[in-house]
Amino acid sequence: AEVAKSEAEAQEEAEAEAEEDFLKSFREARIRELQSASTQPVFGNIYEVTAHEYADAIDRCDPRVYVVVHIYEDFVKECGRMNRCMEELARSYTNVKFVRLRSSESPSPFDPVTLPTLCVYKAGDICNSFVRIQDTVGSNFSSDDIEWMLNQEGVFESRQSGILNKPTTVSDNFVGGQNGNEYRARYAAEIGELAAGLSDEEWDSDFEN
């Protein structure tokens, strides 16, 4: 009986230790994710650009950030739908930069039959382009359809929802304005809560840099 009891106690201790190790690893991974996210630019809306601003909007963006460009014309019905979808996605995914450019102002104007067109960039390089979106997701597409399509490219690999409320405005393109400071404060608060579960030695060894 004593042997059986000792074995049961040893198993319980092993399970408790395994659970503690799992929680420690989870906290550490979450802290690293938040530390990285707290330094990323914060957007939250769509940026209208001209042909002269187009290259800078892509090339001067933080290389960690995906830039989604909508090439559009007002007279194309599906472009109006796409603009509304992008407004919703921009509020949900504030770490993605959404840009739109009128086709007639593009350095290389698109044939209206190809609109709406989406181009996805990262670190100044084009990742993919979607010409005539309605051929991919249908004419009555929703923001969910566009979200799914862009997610296939990994655009939304680091979603912020669940951590922060969706912003309605941002003060500028990069972290540092009112919204940027609010986001960093919230990240710092969650990091503090997670760090409370780590010993000083664990924190110093893993996160001192």
C-alpha atoms as a PDB file:
ATOM      1  CA  ALA A   1       0.000   0.000   0.000  1.00  0.00           C
ATOM      2  CA  GLU A   2       2.846   2.357   0.902  1.00  0.00           C
ATOM      3  CA  VAL A   3       4.570   1.615  -2.408  1.00  0.00           C
ATOM      4  CA  ALA A   4       1.363   2.312  -4.360  1.00  0.00           C
ATOM      5  CA  LYS A   5       0.897   5.558  -2.438  1.00  0.00           C
ATOM      6  CA  SER A   6       4.470   6.653  -3.136  1.00  0.00           C
ATOM      7  CA  GLU A   7       4.049   5.904  -6.835  1.00  0.00           C
ATOM      8  CA  ALA A   8       0.795   7.891  -6.941  1.00  0.00           C
ATOM      9  CA  GLU A   9       2.428  10.835  -5.163  1.00  0.00           C
ATOM     10  CA  ALA A  10       5.403  10.721  -7.523  1.00  0.00           C
ATOM     11  CA  GLN A  11       3.088  10.727 -10.518  1.00  0.00           C
ATOM     12  CA  GLU A  12       1.142  13.687  -9.132  1.00  0.00           C
ATOM     13  CA  GLU A  13       4.370  15.596  -8.541  1.00  0.00           C
ATOM     14  CA  ALA A  14       5.567  14.813 -12.072  1.00  0.00           C
ATOM     15  CA  GLU A  15       2.271  15.994 -13.562  1.00  0.00           C
ATOM     16  CA  ALA A  16       2.340  19.172 -11.472  1.00  0.00           C
ATOM     17  CA  GLU A  17       5.921  19.861 -12.548  1.00  0.00           C
ATOM     18  CA  ALA A  18       5.037  19.267 -16.207  1.00  0.00           C
ATOM     19  CA  GLU A  19       2.098  21.662 -15.946  1.00  0.00           C
ATOM     20  CA  GLU A  20       4.280  24.282 -14.284  1.00  0.00           C
ATOM     21  CA  ASP A  21       6.883  23.937 -17.052  1.00  0.00           C
ATOM     22  CA  PHE A  22       4.179  24.287 -19.703  1.00  0.00           C
ATOM     23  CA  LEU A  23       2.774  27.453 -18.108  1.00  0.00           C
ATOM     24  CA  LYS A  24       6.269  28.911 -17.757  1.00  0.00           C
ATOM     25  CA  SER A  25       7.006  28.248 -21.439  1.00  0.00           C
ATOM     26  CA  PHE A  26       3.637  29.745 -22.428  1.00  0.00           C
ATOM     27  CA  ARG A  27       4.260  32.903 -20.385  1.00  0.00           C
ATOM     28  CA  GLU A  28       7.739  33.324 -21.819  1.00  0.00           C
ATOM     29  CA  ALA A  29       6.514  32.890 -25.406  1.00  0.00           C
ATOM     30  CA  ARG A  30       3.671  35.338 -24.816  1.00  0.00           C
ATOM     31  CA  ILE A  31       6.008  37.925 -23.315  1.00  0.00           C
ATOM     32  CA  ARG A  32       8.310  37.701 -26.333  1.00  0.00           C
ATOM     33  CA  GLU A  33       5.329  38.106 -28.669  1.00  0.00           C
ATOM     34  CA  LEU A  34       4.100  41.165 -26.786  1.00  0.00           C
ATOM     35  CA  GLN A  35       7.553  42.714 -26.600  1.00  0.00           C
ATOM     36  CA  SER A  36       7.885  42.402 -30.367  1.00  0.00           C
ATOM     37  CA  ALA A  37       4.369  43.701 -31.025  1.00  0.00           C
ATOM     38  CA  SER A  38       4.871  46.706 -28.730  1.00  0.00           C
ATOM     39  CA  THR A  39       7.566  48.060 -31.046  1.00  0.00           C
ATOM     40  CA  GLN A  40       5.614  47.596 -34.282  1.00  0.00           C
ATOM     41  CA  PRO A  41       3.876  50.473 -36.058  1.00  0.00           C
ATOM     42  CA  VAL A  42       0.193  51.017 -35.322  1.00  0.00           C
ATOM     43  CA  PHE A  43      -2.143  51.990 -38.144  1.00  0.00           C
ATOM     44  CA  GLY A  44      -5.900  51.416 -37.913  1.00  0.00           C
ATOM     45  CA  ASN A  45      -7.292  53.019 -41.057  1.00  0.00           C
ATOM     46  CA  ILE A  46      -6.778  53.249 -44.830  1.00  0.00           C
ATOM     47  CA  TYR A  47      -4.149  55.574 -46.278  1.00  0.00           C
ATOM     48  CA  GLU A  48      -5.004  57.204 -49.602  1.00  0.00           C
ATOM     49  CA  VAL A  49      -1.855  57.800 -51.639  1.00  0.00           C
ATOM     50  CA  THR A  50      -0.975  59.454 -54.925  1.00  0.00           C
ATOM     51  CA  ALA A  51       1.347  58.096 -57.581  1.00  0.00           C
ATOM     52  CA  HIS A  52       4.204  60.122 -56.056  1.00  0.00           C
ATOM     53  CA  GLU A  53       3.545  58.735 -52.562  1.00  0.00           C
ATOM     54  CA  TYR A  54       2.985  55.128 -53.610  1.00  0.00           C
ATOM     55  CA  ALA A  55       6.603  53.946 -53.527  1.00  0.00           C
ATOM     56  CA  ASP A  56       7.334  55.621 -50.190  1.00  0.00           C
ATOM     57  CA  ALA A  57       4.211  54.109 -48.606  1.00  0.00           C
ATOM     58  CA  ILE A  58       5.704  50.690 -49.332  1.00  0.00           C
ATOM     59  CA  ASP A  59       9.479  51.152 -49.226  1.00  0.00           C
ATOM     60  CA  ARG A  60       9.594  53.290 -46.077  1.00  0.00           C
ATOM     61  CA  CYS A  61       7.330  51.051 -44.050  1.00  0.00           C
ATOM     62  CA  ASP A  62       8.705  48.921 -41.218  1.00  0.00           C
ATOM     63  CA  PRO A  63      10.012  45.708 -42.870  1.00  0.00           C
ATOM     64  CA  ARG A  64       8.035  43.591 -40.383  1.00  0.00           C
ATOM     65  CA  VAL A  65       4.760  45.073 -41.624  1.00  0.00           C
ATOM     66  CA  TYR A  66       2.580  43.799 -44.441  1.00  0.00           C
ATOM     67  CA  VAL A  67       1.280  46.538 -46.759  1.00  0.00           C
ATOM     68  CA  VAL A  68      -1.981  45.788 -48.567  1.00  0.00           C
ATOM     69  CA  VAL A  69      -2.661  48.100 -51.520  1.00  0.00           C
ATOM     70  CA  HIS A  70      -6.069  48.443 -53.144  1.00  0.00           C
ATOM     71  CA  ILE A  71      -5.983  49.688 -56.752  1.00  0.00           C
ATOM     72  CA  TYR A  72      -9.433  51.116 -57.428  1.00  0.00           C
ATOM     73  CA  GLU A  73     -11.749  53.431 -59.312  1.00  0.00           C
ATOM     74  CA  ASP A  74     -14.915  54.969 -57.889  1.00  0.00           C
ATOM     75  CA  PHE A  75     -17.055  53.926 -60.859  1.00  0.00           C
ATOM     76  CA  VAL A  76     -16.319  50.216 -60.307  1.00  0.00           C
ATOM     77  CA  LYS A  77     -18.984  48.894 -57.924  1.00  0.00           C
ATOM     78  CA  GLU A  78     -16.809  46.173 -56.442  1.00  0.00           C
ATOM     79  CA  CYS A  79     -14.142  48.765 -55.549  1.00  0.00           C
ATOM     80  CA  GLY A  80     -16.607  50.509 -53.243  1.00  0.00           C
ATOM     81  CA  ARG A  81     -17.312  47.178 -51.557  1.00  0.00           C
ATOM     82  CA  MET A  82     -13.584  46.531 -51.253  1.00  0.00           C
ATOM     83  CA  ASN A  83     -13.012  49.920 -49.611  1.00  0.00           C
ATOM     84  CA  ARG A  84     -15.628  49.107 -46.978  1.00  0.00           C
ATOM     85  CA  CYS A  85     -14.046  45.704 -46.360  1.00  0.00           C
ATOM     86  CA  MET A  86     -10.618  47.271 -45.977  1.00  0.00           C
ATOM     87  CA  GLU A  87     -11.952  49.803 -43.473  1.00  0.00           C
ATOM     88  CA  GLU A  88     -13.220  46.928 -41.315  1.00  0.00           C
ATOM     89  CA  LEU A  89      -9.993  44.964 -41.614  1.00  0.00           C
ATOM     90  CA  ALA A  90      -7.856  48.023 -40.906  1.00  0.00           C
ATOM     91  CA  ARG A  91      -9.661  48.509 -37.590  1.00  0.00           C
ATOM     92  CA  SER A  92      -9.214  44.837 -36.667  1.00  0.00           C
ATOM     93  CA  TYR A  93      -5.621  44.400 -37.831  1.00  0.00           C
ATOM     94  CA  THR A  94      -3.856  47.558 -36.768  1.00  0.00           C
ATOM     95  CA  ASN A  95      -0.405  46.074 -37.364  1.00  0.00           C
ATOM     96  CA  VAL A  96      -1.120  45.833 -41.123  1.00  0.00           C
ATOM     97  CA  LYS A  97      -0.898  48.931 -43.301  1.00  0.00           C
ATOM     98  CA  PHE A  98      -3.814  49.327 -45.718  1.00  0.00           C
ATOM     99  CA  VAL A  99      -3.303  51.674 -48.651  1.00  0.00           C
ATOM    100  CA  ARG A 100      -5.415  52.580 -51.635  1.00  0.00           C
ATOM    101  CA  LEU A 101      -4.432  54.148 -54.937  1.00  0.00           C
ATOM    102  CA  ARG A 102      -6.726  55.330 -57.690  1.00  0.00           C
ATOM    103  CA  SER A 103      -5.883  53.395 -60.861  1.00  0.00           C
ATOM    104  CA  SER A 104      -5.909  56.530 -63.022  1.00  0.00           C
ATOM    105  CA  GLU A 105      -3.172  57.986 -60.773  1.00  0.00           C
ATOM    106  CA  SER A 106      -1.057  54.843 -60.815  1.00  0.00           C
ATOM    107  CA  PRO A 107       2.339  54.972 -62.570  1.00  0.00           C
ATOM    108  CA  SER A 108       0.968  52.105 -64.684  1.00  0.00           C
ATOM    109  CA  PRO A 109      -2.836  52.521 -64.857  1.00  0.00           C
ATOM    110  CA  PHE A 110      -4.873  49.317 -64.668  1.00  0.00           C
ATOM    111  CA  ASP A 111      -7.621  48.457 -67.115  1.00  0.00           C
ATOM    112  CA  PRO A 112     -10.919  48.996 -65.216  1.00  0.00           C
ATOM    113  CA  VAL A 113     -11.920  45.411 -66.013  1.00  0.00           C
ATOM    114  CA  THR A 114      -9.101  44.196 -63.719  1.00  0.00           C
ATOM    115  CA  LEU A 115     -10.406  46.131 -60.694  1.00  0.00           C
ATOM    116  CA  PRO A 116     -10.477  45.839 -57.786  1.00  0.00           C
ATOM    117  CA  THR A 117      -6.898  44.642 -57.536  1.00  0.00           C
ATOM    118  CA  LEU A 118      -5.030  43.995 -54.292  1.00  0.00           C
ATOM    119  CA  CYS A 119      -1.234  43.942 -54.033  1.00  0.00           C
ATOM    120  CA  VAL A 120       0.502  42.606 -50.923  1.00  0.00           C
ATOM    121  CA  TYR A 121       3.988  43.845 -50.000  1.00  0.00           C
ATOM    122  CA  LYS A 122       6.460  43.199 -47.215  1.00  0.00           C
ATOM    123  CA  ALA A 123       9.919  44.719 -46.732  1.00  0.00           C
ATOM    124  CA  GLY A 124       9.495  46.547 -50.034  1.00  0.00           C
ATOM    125  CA  ASP A 125       8.915  43.365 -52.043  1.00  0.00           C
ATOM    126  CA  ILE A 126       5.644  42.254 -53.577  1.00  0.00           C
ATOM    127  CA  CYS A 127       4.354  38.993 -52.092  1.00  0.00           C
ATOM    128  CA  ASN A 128       1.323  38.517 -54.311  1.00  0.00           C
ATOM    129  CA  SER A 129      -1.332  40.347 -56.296  1.00  0.00           C
ATOM    130  CA  PHE A 130      -5.015  39.555 -56.708  1.00  0.00           C
ATOM    131  CA  VAL A 131      -6.477  40.883 -59.943  1.00  0.00           C
ATOM    132  CA  ARG A 132     -10.251  41.298 -60.281  1.00  0.00           C
ATOM    133  CA  ILE A 133     -11.084  40.093 -56.786  1.00  0.00           C
ATOM    134  CA  GLN A 134     -14.648  39.115 -57.668  1.00  0.00           C
ATOM    135  CA  ASP A 135     -13.306  36.281 -59.802  1.00  0.00           C
ATOM    136  CA  THR A 136     -11.772  34.772 -56.663  1.00  0.00           C
ATOM    137  CA  VAL A 137     -14.408  35.398 -53.975  1.00  0.00           C
ATOM    138  CA  GLY A 138     -17.513  36.407 -55.949  1.00  0.00           C
ATOM    139  CA  SER A 139     -19.112  39.823 -56.481  1.00  0.00           C
ATOM    140  CA  ASN A 140     -20.890  39.874 -53.094  1.00  0.00           C
ATOM    141  CA  PHE A 141     -17.726  39.358 -51.088  1.00  0.00           C
ATOM    142  CA  SER A 142     -17.473  40.456 -47.467  1.00  0.00           C
ATOM    143  CA  SER A 143     -14.619  41.445 -45.195  1.00  0.00           C
ATOM    144  CA  ASP A 144     -14.528  37.808 -44.024  1.00  0.00           C
ATOM    145  CA  ASP A 145     -13.804  36.697 -47.590  1.00  0.00           C
ATOM    146  CA  ILE A 146     -10.995  39.225 -47.999  1.00  0.00           C
ATOM    147  CA  GLU A 147      -9.645  38.324 -44.565  1.00  0.00           C
ATOM    148  CA  TRP A 148      -9.533  34.661 -45.563  1.00  0.00           C
ATOM    149  CA  MET A 149      -7.846  35.452 -48.870  1.00  0.00           C
ATOM    150  CA  LEU A 150      -5.158  37.631 -47.311  1.00  0.00           C
ATOM    151  CA  ASN A 151      -4.649  35.152 -44.508  1.00  0.00           C
ATOM    152  CA  GLN A 152      -3.520  32.626 -47.107  1.00  0.00           C
ATOM    153  CA  GLU A 153      -0.552  34.962 -47.656  1.00  0.00           C
ATOM    154  CA  GLY A 154       0.206  35.114 -43.920  1.00  0.00           C
ATOM    155  CA  VAL A 155      -0.802  38.776 -43.706  1.00  0.00           C
ATOM    156  CA  PHE A 156      -2.669  38.290 -40.434  1.00  0.00           C
ATOM    157  CA  GLU A 157      -0.167  35.968 -38.753  1.00  0.00           C
ATOM    158  CA  SER A 158      -0.018  38.208 -35.665  1.00  0.00           C
ATOM    159  CA  ARG A 159      -3.550  39.351 -34.926  1.00  0.00           C
ATOM    160  CA  GLN A 160      -4.038  41.838 -32.111  1.00  0.00           C
ATOM    161  CA  SER A 161      -7.698  41.168 -31.435  1.00  0.00           C
ATOM    162  CA  GLY A 162      -8.335  39.735 -27.992  1.00  0.00           C
ATOM    163  CA  ILE A 163      -5.540  41.877 -26.576  1.00  0.00           C
ATOM    164  CA  LEU A 164      -6.757  45.337 -27.461  1.00  0.00           C
ATOM    165  CA  ASN A 165      -9.947  47.108 -28.402  1.00  0.00           C
ATOM    166  CA  LYS A 166     -10.330  48.028 -32.039  1.00  0.00           C
ATOM    167  CA  PRO A 167      -9.245  51.654 -32.567  1.00  0.00           C
ATOM    168  CA  THR A 168     -11.344  54.002 -34.683  1.00  0.00           C
ATOM    169  CA  THR A 169      -8.574  56.502 -35.410  1.00  0.00           C
ATOM    170  CA  VAL A 170      -4.824  56.752 -35.168  1.00  0.00           C
ATOM    171  CA  SER A 171      -2.868  59.952 -34.863  1.00  0.00           C
ATOM    172  CA  ASP A 172      -0.090  59.081 -37.309  1.00  0.00           C
ATOM    173  CA  ASN A 173       1.470  56.221 -39.250  1.00  0.00           C
ATOM    174  CA  PHE A 174       3.792  54.969 -36.553  1.00  0.00           C
ATOM    175  CA  VAL A 175       3.786  54.090 -32.886  1.00  0.00           C
ATOM    176  CA  GLY A 176       4.341  57.237 -30.888  1.00  0.00           C
ATOM    177  CA  GLY A 177       1.063  59.097 -31.206  1.00  0.00           C
ATOM    178  CA  GLN A 178      -1.815  58.862 -28.753  1.00  0.00           C
ATOM    179  CA  ASN A 179      -2.954  55.459 -29.981  1.00  0.00           C
ATOM    180  CA  GLY A 180       0.606  54.150 -30.195  1.00  0.00           C
ATOM    181  CA  ASN A 181       1.248  55.091 -26.562  1.00  0.00           C
ATOM    182  CA  GLU A 182      -2.031  53.489 -25.490  1.00  0.00           C
ATOM    183  CA  TYR A 183      -1.122  50.258 -27.262  1.00  0.00           C
ATOM    184  CA  ARG A 184       2.342  50.170 -25.730  1.00  0.00           C
ATOM    185  CA  ALA A 185       0.890  50.792 -22.270  1.00  0.00           C
ATOM    186  CA  ARG A 186      -1.521  47.899 -22.662  1.00  0.00           C
ATOM    187  CA  TYR A 187       1.213  45.597 -23.916  1.00  0.00           C
ATOM    188  CA  ALA A 188       3.381  46.626 -20.957  1.00  0.00           C
ATOM    189  CA  ALA A 189       0.529  45.888 -18.530  1.00  0.00           C
ATOM    190  CA  GLU A 190       0.021  42.386 -19.928  1.00  0.00           C
ATOM    191  CA  ILE A 191       3.776  41.754 -19.932  1.00  0.00           C
ATOM    192  CA  GLY A 192       3.822  42.778 -16.263  1.00  0.00           C
ATOM    193  CA  GLU A 193       1.029  40.364 -15.412  1.00  0.00           C
ATOM    194  CA  LEU A 194       2.770  37.517 -17.205  1.00  0.00           C
ATOM    195  CA  ALA A 195       6.134  38.375 -15.695  1.00  0.00           C
ATOM    196  CA  ALA A 196       4.614  38.099 -12.212  1.00  0.00           C
ATOM    197  CA  GLY A 197       4.533  34.355 -12.781  1.00  0.00           C
ATOM    198  CA  LEU A 198       8.294  34.185 -13.394  1.00  0.00           C
ATOM    199  CA  SER A 199      11.037  34.344 -10.816  1.00  0.00           C
ATOM    200  CA  ASP A 200      13.574  37.183 -10.938  1.00  0.00           C
ATOM    201  CA  GLU A 201      16.232  34.751 -12.130  1.00  0.00           C
ATOM    202  CA  GLU A 202      14.054  33.450 -14.962  1.00  0.00           C
ATOM    203  CA  TRP A 203      13.183  36.988 -16.069  1.00  0.00           C
ATOM    204  CA  ASP A 204      16.787  38.191 -15.958  1.00  0.00           C
ATOM    205  CA  SER A 205      18.104  35.205 -17.891  1.00  0.00           C
ATOM    206  CA  ASP A 206      15.428  35.188 -20.599  1.00  0.00           C
ATOM    207  CA  PHE A 207      14.370  38.806 -21.087  1.00  0.00           C
ATOM    208  CA  GLU A 208      17.179  41.072 -19.917  1.00  0.00           C
ATOM    209  CA  ASN A 209      17.814  42.019 -23.564  1.00  0.00           C
END
